[in-house]
N, C-alpha and C. Protein backbone atom coordinates (compact mmCIF):
# COMPACT_ATOMS: atom_id res chain seq x y z
N MET A 1 -9.21 -10.81 27.02
CA MET A 1 -9.78 -10.34 25.79
C MET A 1 -10.40 -10.79 24.10
N LYS A 2 -9.55 -12.16 24.14
CA LYS A 2 -9.57 -12.41 23.28
C LYS A 2 -11.00 -13.90 23.06
N LYS A 3 -11.01 -14.22 24.15
CA LYS A 3 -12.13 -15.01 24.71
C LYS A 3 -13.74 -13.93 24.61
N ILE A 4 -14.05 -13.18 25.12
CA ILE A 4 -15.00 -11.33 24.68
C ILE A 4 -14.86 -11.68 23.11
N ILE A 5 -13.82 -11.46 22.45
CA ILE A 5 -14.08 -11.27 20.85
C ILE A 5 -14.40 -12.41 20.13
N LEU A 6 -13.87 -13.94 20.78
CA LEU A 6 -15.03 -15.13 20.01
C LEU A 6 -16.24 -15.72 20.79
N ILE A 7 -16.59 -14.83 22.06
CA ILE A 7 -17.70 -14.99 22.18
C ILE A 7 -19.17 -13.99 21.58
N SER A 8 -18.44 -12.92 21.36
CA SER A 8 -19.29 -11.99 20.92
C SER A 8 -19.35 -12.67 19.05
N LEU A 9 -18.12 -12.81 18.84
CA LEU A 9 -18.31 -13.41 16.99
C LEU A 9 -19.50 -14.29 17.22
N ILE A 10 -19.45 -15.46 17.99
CA ILE A 10 -19.78 -16.46 18.07
C ILE A 10 -22.14 -16.13 18.18
N LEU A 11 -22.39 -15.52 19.39
CA LEU A 11 -23.08 -14.66 19.32
C LEU A 11 -24.11 -13.80 18.35
N LEU A 12 -23.24 -13.27 17.98
CA LEU A 12 -23.70 -12.30 16.26
C LEU A 12 -23.84 -13.22 14.92
N ALA A 13 -23.05 -14.26 14.99
CA ALA A 13 -23.50 -15.18 13.45
C ALA A 13 -24.91 -16.10 14.76
N GLY A 14 -24.60 -15.98 15.73
CA GLY A 14 -26.19 -17.21 15.94
C GLY A 14 -26.94 -16.56 16.37
N CYS A 15 -27.12 -15.24 16.09
CA CYS A 15 -28.54 -14.13 16.02
C CYS A 15 -28.75 -13.57 14.66
N THR A 16 -28.26 -13.89 13.52
CA THR A 16 -28.07 -13.49 12.26
C THR A 16 -29.50 -14.24 11.82
N LYS A 17 -30.26 -13.23 10.99
CA LYS A 17 -31.08 -13.82 10.19
C LYS A 17 -31.29 -14.52 8.75
N ILE A 18 -31.43 -15.53 9.00
CA ILE A 18 -30.94 -16.67 7.70
C ILE A 18 -31.95 -16.64 6.54
N ASP A 19 -31.76 -15.69 5.28
CA ASP A 19 -32.74 -15.63 4.34
C ASP A 19 -33.15 -17.08 3.62
N MET A 20 -34.02 -17.33 3.65
CA MET A 20 -34.40 -18.58 2.65
C MET A 20 -35.35 -18.38 1.57
N PRO A 21 -35.10 -18.98 0.28
CA PRO A 21 -35.94 -18.44 -0.48
C PRO A 21 -37.37 -19.14 0.25
N THR A 22 -38.47 -18.43 0.02
CA THR A 22 -39.89 -18.81 0.43
C THR A 22 -40.55 -19.89 -0.93
N PRO A 23 -41.09 -21.05 -0.95
CA PRO A 23 -40.94 -21.91 -1.93
C PRO A 23 -42.78 -21.32 -2.58
N GLN A 24 -42.25 -21.57 -4.01
CA GLN A 24 -43.46 -20.84 -4.86
C GLN A 24 -44.96 -22.57 -4.85
N PRO A 25 -45.88 -22.38 -3.82
CA PRO A 25 -47.21 -22.66 -3.84
C PRO A 25 -47.08 -23.62 -5.43
N SER A 26 -47.10 -24.68 -5.67
CA SER A 26 -47.39 -25.58 -6.69
C SER A 26 -49.36 -25.11 -6.68
N VAL A 27 -49.26 -25.01 -8.13
CA VAL A 27 -50.70 -24.57 -9.19
C VAL A 27 -51.79 -26.16 -9.40
N GLU A 28 -51.91 -26.77 -8.90
CA GLU A 28 -53.03 -27.28 -9.18
C GLU A 28 -54.47 -26.77 -10.27
N LYS A 29 -54.09 -27.84 -11.68
CA LYS A 29 -54.77 -27.33 -12.48
C LYS A 29 -56.15 -27.67 -12.65
N ILE A 30 -57.08 -27.13 -12.64
CA ILE A 30 -58.78 -27.81 -11.95
C ILE A 30 -59.35 -28.51 -13.29
N PHE A 31 -59.17 -28.64 -13.92
CA PHE A 31 -59.13 -30.15 -14.86
C PHE A 31 -58.64 -31.41 -14.91
N ASN A 32 -57.56 -31.01 -14.51
CA ASN A 32 -56.27 -32.63 -13.59
C ASN A 32 -57.25 -33.43 -12.75
N VAL A 33 -57.97 -32.52 -11.67
CA VAL A 33 -58.65 -33.42 -10.49
C VAL A 33 -60.17 -33.77 -10.71
N LYS A 34 -60.92 -34.57 -10.25
CA LYS A 34 -62.03 -35.20 -10.06
C LYS A 34 -63.02 -33.83 -9.77
N GLU A 35 -62.58 -33.30 -9.05
CA GLU A 35 -63.88 -32.22 -7.81
C GLU A 35 -62.88 -31.14 -7.16
N SER A 36 -63.04 -29.70 -7.19
CA SER A 36 -62.25 -28.79 -6.53
C SER A 36 -63.20 -28.20 -5.83
N LYS A 37 -62.78 -27.96 -4.37
CA LYS A 37 -63.28 -26.65 -4.05
C LYS A 37 -62.74 -25.34 -4.02
N VAL A 38 -63.91 -24.67 -4.34
CA VAL A 38 -63.18 -23.15 -4.82
C VAL A 38 -64.00 -22.22 -3.72
N VAL A 39 -63.71 -20.65 -3.89
CA VAL A 39 -63.94 -19.83 -2.93
C VAL A 39 -64.53 -18.65 -4.29
N ASN A 40 -65.27 -17.92 -3.62
CA ASN A 40 -65.31 -16.51 -4.35
C ASN A 40 -64.18 -15.47 -4.67
N GLY A 41 -63.92 -15.35 -6.27
CA GLY A 41 -62.62 -14.52 -6.44
C GLY A 41 -61.41 -15.60 -6.91
N GLN A 42 -61.60 -17.02 -6.68
CA GLN A 42 -60.38 -17.49 -6.98
C GLN A 42 -59.92 -17.59 -8.04
N SER A 43 -58.91 -17.87 -8.51
CA SER A 43 -58.04 -18.29 -9.87
C SER A 43 -58.36 -19.73 -10.16
N ILE A 44 -58.63 -20.00 -10.98
CA ILE A 44 -58.72 -21.40 -11.76
C ILE A 44 -57.36 -21.43 -12.68
N TYR A 45 -56.92 -22.38 -12.78
CA TYR A 45 -55.37 -22.38 -13.93
C TYR A 45 -56.10 -23.56 -14.55
N PHE A 46 -55.38 -23.80 -16.09
CA PHE A 46 -56.50 -25.54 -17.10
C PHE A 46 -55.02 -24.88 -18.43
N ASP A 47 -55.17 -25.72 -19.18
CA ASP A 47 -54.55 -25.70 -20.26
C ASP A 47 -55.11 -26.16 -21.39
N LEU A 48 -55.01 -25.00 -22.34
CA LEU A 48 -55.69 -25.23 -23.28
C LEU A 48 -55.00 -25.83 -24.67
N PRO A 49 -55.43 -26.44 -25.55
CA PRO A 49 -54.61 -27.06 -26.72
C PRO A 49 -53.79 -26.46 -28.03
N SER A 50 -54.96 -25.06 -28.25
CA SER A 50 -54.19 -23.71 -29.20
C SER A 50 -55.15 -22.88 -28.41
N ALA A 51 -54.35 -21.75 -29.12
CA ALA A 51 -54.89 -20.73 -29.21
C ALA A 51 -56.79 -20.47 -29.64
N GLY A 52 -57.46 -19.45 -29.22
CA GLY A 52 -58.67 -19.35 -29.77
C GLY A 52 -59.83 -19.07 -29.19
N VAL A 53 -61.21 -19.26 -29.38
CA VAL A 53 -62.45 -18.80 -28.46
C VAL A 53 -62.65 -19.96 -27.83
N TYR A 54 -63.21 -20.13 -26.78
CA TYR A 54 -63.28 -21.49 -25.91
C TYR A 54 -64.19 -20.40 -24.67
N THR A 55 -65.25 -21.65 -24.27
CA THR A 55 -66.34 -21.19 -23.36
C THR A 55 -66.61 -22.27 -22.00
N LEU A 56 -65.99 -21.34 -20.90
CA LEU A 56 -66.01 -22.43 -19.62
C LEU A 56 -67.92 -21.79 -18.96
N THR A 57 -68.58 -22.81 -18.31
CA THR A 57 -69.89 -23.00 -18.50
C THR A 57 -70.06 -24.00 -17.40
N LEU A 58 -70.66 -22.98 -16.16
CA LEU A 58 -71.22 -23.51 -14.93
C LEU A 58 -72.50 -24.24 -14.93
N ILE A 59 -72.42 -25.80 -14.69
CA ILE A 59 -73.98 -26.03 -14.76
C ILE A 59 -74.18 -26.63 -13.15
N ASP A 60 -75.84 -26.41 -12.70
CA ASP A 60 -76.28 -27.06 -11.30
C ASP A 60 -76.10 -28.61 -11.72
N LYS A 61 -75.71 -29.03 -11.10
CA LYS A 61 -74.90 -30.70 -11.25
C LYS A 61 -76.28 -31.35 -10.76
N GLU A 62 -77.30 -30.98 -9.31
CA GLU A 62 -78.58 -31.32 -9.52
C GLU A 62 -79.86 -31.34 -10.76
N ASN A 63 -80.12 -30.01 -11.23
CA ASN A 63 -80.60 -30.18 -12.56
C ASN A 63 -80.40 -29.96 -13.49
N GLY A 64 -79.45 -30.03 -13.54
CA GLY A 64 -78.90 -29.69 -15.18
C GLY A 64 -79.02 -28.13 -15.77
N GLN A 65 -79.26 -26.95 -14.93
CA GLN A 65 -79.60 -25.90 -15.58
C GLN A 65 -78.15 -25.06 -15.58
N VAL A 66 -78.04 -24.37 -16.64
CA VAL A 66 -76.48 -23.41 -17.07
C VAL A 66 -77.19 -22.03 -15.58
N VAL A 67 -75.81 -22.04 -15.15
CA VAL A 67 -75.82 -20.90 -14.06
C VAL A 67 -74.78 -19.76 -14.54
N SER A 68 -73.75 -20.30 -15.45
CA SER A 68 -72.64 -19.11 -16.09
C SER A 68 -72.21 -19.42 -16.75
N ARG A 69 -71.84 -18.68 -17.93
CA ARG A 69 -71.33 -19.33 -19.31
C ARG A 69 -70.61 -17.74 -19.39
N GLU A 70 -69.05 -17.68 -19.85
CA GLU A 70 -68.02 -17.16 -20.08
C GLU A 70 -67.32 -17.54 -21.24
N ARG A 71 -67.61 -16.78 -22.15
CA ARG A 71 -66.56 -16.91 -23.66
C ARG A 71 -65.57 -15.89 -23.52
N PHE A 72 -64.17 -16.60 -24.12
CA PHE A 72 -63.19 -16.04 -23.70
C PHE A 72 -61.86 -15.99 -24.99
N ASN A 73 -61.18 -15.65 -25.17
CA ASN A 73 -60.16 -15.49 -26.01
C ASN A 73 -58.62 -16.38 -25.56
N GLY A 74 -58.59 -17.99 -26.01
CA GLY A 74 -57.58 -18.53 -24.92
C GLY A 74 -56.32 -18.71 -25.62
N GLN A 75 -55.29 -18.55 -24.72
CA GLN A 75 -54.28 -19.09 -25.47
C GLN A 75 -53.37 -20.26 -25.53
N ALA A 76 -52.48 -20.71 -26.34
CA ALA A 76 -51.86 -22.24 -25.89
C ALA A 76 -51.24 -22.13 -24.64
N GLY A 77 -51.39 -23.32 -24.04
CA GLY A 77 -50.84 -23.83 -22.41
C GLY A 77 -51.50 -23.14 -21.65
N GLU A 78 -51.01 -22.90 -20.83
CA GLU A 78 -51.75 -22.38 -19.46
C GLU A 78 -52.61 -21.04 -19.70
N ASN A 79 -54.11 -21.32 -18.86
CA ASN A 79 -55.04 -19.91 -18.75
C ASN A 79 -55.11 -20.06 -17.52
N ILE A 80 -55.30 -18.61 -17.01
CA ILE A 80 -55.71 -18.18 -15.89
C ILE A 80 -57.30 -17.44 -15.65
N LYS A 81 -58.40 -17.74 -15.20
CA LYS A 81 -59.41 -17.14 -15.07
C LYS A 81 -59.87 -17.24 -13.86
N ASN A 82 -60.44 -16.44 -13.01
CA ASN A 82 -60.92 -15.99 -11.71
C ASN A 82 -62.63 -16.78 -12.05
N ILE A 83 -63.18 -16.85 -10.97
CA ILE A 83 -64.17 -17.58 -10.44
C ILE A 83 -65.06 -17.25 -9.48
N TYR A 84 -66.08 -16.42 -9.83
CA TYR A 84 -66.89 -15.75 -8.77
C TYR A 84 -68.30 -16.82 -8.23
N THR A 85 -68.58 -16.67 -7.24
CA THR A 85 -69.49 -17.54 -6.68
C THR A 85 -70.61 -16.97 -5.74
N ASN A 86 -70.58 -16.18 -5.53
CA ASN A 86 -71.34 -14.88 -4.94
C ASN A 86 -72.45 -15.15 -4.84
N SER A 87 -73.14 -15.20 -6.36
CA SER A 87 -74.51 -15.18 -6.20
C SER A 87 -75.48 -16.33 -6.96
N ILE A 88 -73.96 -17.43 -6.69
CA ILE A 88 -74.84 -18.85 -7.11
C ILE A 88 -75.05 -19.81 -5.57
N GLN A 89 -76.86 -20.23 -5.92
CA GLN A 89 -77.08 -20.55 -4.80
C GLN A 89 -76.61 -21.80 -4.77
N SER A 90 -76.78 -23.27 -5.74
CA SER A 90 -76.19 -24.63 -5.38
C SER A 90 -74.71 -24.52 -5.09
N GLN A 91 -74.60 -25.79 -4.46
CA GLN A 91 -73.28 -25.79 -4.32
C GLN A 91 -72.36 -26.65 -4.66
N TYR A 92 -73.25 -27.65 -5.36
CA TYR A 92 -72.36 -28.18 -6.85
C TYR A 92 -72.44 -28.02 -7.81
N LEU A 93 -71.57 -27.93 -8.43
CA LEU A 93 -71.67 -27.53 -9.60
C LEU A 93 -70.92 -28.67 -11.00
N TYR A 94 -70.68 -28.45 -12.08
CA TYR A 94 -70.12 -29.27 -13.02
C TYR A 94 -69.60 -28.27 -13.62
N LEU A 95 -68.12 -28.02 -14.38
CA LEU A 95 -67.58 -26.51 -14.87
C LEU A 95 -67.36 -26.92 -15.90
N LEU A 96 -67.60 -26.42 -17.21
CA LEU A 96 -67.69 -27.24 -18.60
C LEU A 96 -66.44 -26.80 -19.89
N LEU A 97 -65.68 -27.15 -20.03
CA LEU A 97 -64.44 -25.86 -20.85
C LEU A 97 -65.01 -26.92 -22.42
N GLU A 98 -65.01 -25.96 -23.65
CA GLU A 98 -66.20 -26.29 -24.59
C GLU A 98 -65.38 -25.31 -25.72
N ASP A 99 -64.91 -25.82 -26.82
CA ASP A 99 -64.19 -24.60 -27.65
C ASP A 99 -65.07 -24.55 -28.47
N VAL A 100 -64.88 -23.89 -29.36
CA VAL A 100 -66.06 -22.45 -30.12
C VAL A 100 -67.30 -23.70 -30.86
N THR A 101 -66.54 -24.63 -31.55
CA THR A 101 -67.48 -25.27 -31.94
C THR A 101 -68.36 -26.25 -30.83
N LYS A 102 -68.32 -25.97 -29.89
CA LYS A 102 -68.83 -26.69 -28.75
C LYS A 102 -68.61 -28.03 -28.47
N LYS A 103 -67.41 -28.49 -28.50
CA LYS A 103 -67.21 -30.04 -28.33
C LYS A 103 -66.59 -30.03 -27.07
N GLU A 104 -66.84 -30.30 -26.44
CA GLU A 104 -66.02 -30.59 -25.11
C GLU A 104 -64.52 -30.74 -24.70
N ILE A 105 -63.86 -30.35 -24.12
CA ILE A 105 -62.89 -30.07 -23.81
C ILE A 105 -62.26 -30.96 -22.70
N SER A 106 -63.02 -30.36 -21.57
CA SER A 106 -63.24 -30.83 -20.21
C SER A 106 -63.64 -30.42 -19.66
N LYS A 107 -64.07 -31.66 -18.26
CA LYS A 107 -65.31 -31.07 -17.45
C LYS A 107 -64.59 -31.62 -15.94
N THR A 108 -65.11 -30.94 -15.53
CA THR A 108 -65.01 -31.32 -13.58
C THR A 108 -66.27 -30.73 -13.01
N THR A 109 -66.20 -31.04 -11.19
CA THR A 109 -66.81 -31.23 -10.48
C THR A 109 -66.41 -29.81 -9.73
N ILE A 110 -67.03 -28.37 -9.08
CA ILE A 110 -66.74 -27.70 -8.39
C ILE A 110 -67.63 -27.95 -7.26
N ILE A 111 -67.46 -27.62 -5.86
CA ILE A 111 -68.17 -27.19 -4.44
C ILE A 111 -67.52 -25.95 -3.86
N ILE A 112 -68.71 -25.05 -3.77
CA ILE A 112 -68.91 -23.87 -3.61
C ILE A 112 -68.80 -24.48 -1.85
N LYS A 113 -67.01 -23.36 -1.41
CA LYS A 113 -67.46 -23.24 -0.10
C LYS A 113 -68.05 -21.89 0.36
């Protein structure tokens, strides 16, 4: 009888699911890398030096034409924006971050998948 109980306890312990915490994926800041691949609707993360009005501009890398421009109120520290690329024809773009005085803060290359 003791052997049956012992075997039952071992089987019970062996079949229990161990809950392990799922690690949070690290978020790569878009301006911390030379180039990034993006898909439509993807969130991009970046840091701002202070709160204020900023502009994100997408520029066609081949001909230098502005494809998209968004002005937004940013906060100091980490900011998150979504990037939409369905209507963009070019595959290689510059992503430019400027403050309200048109001073360039950061620039990177993005590749549309």
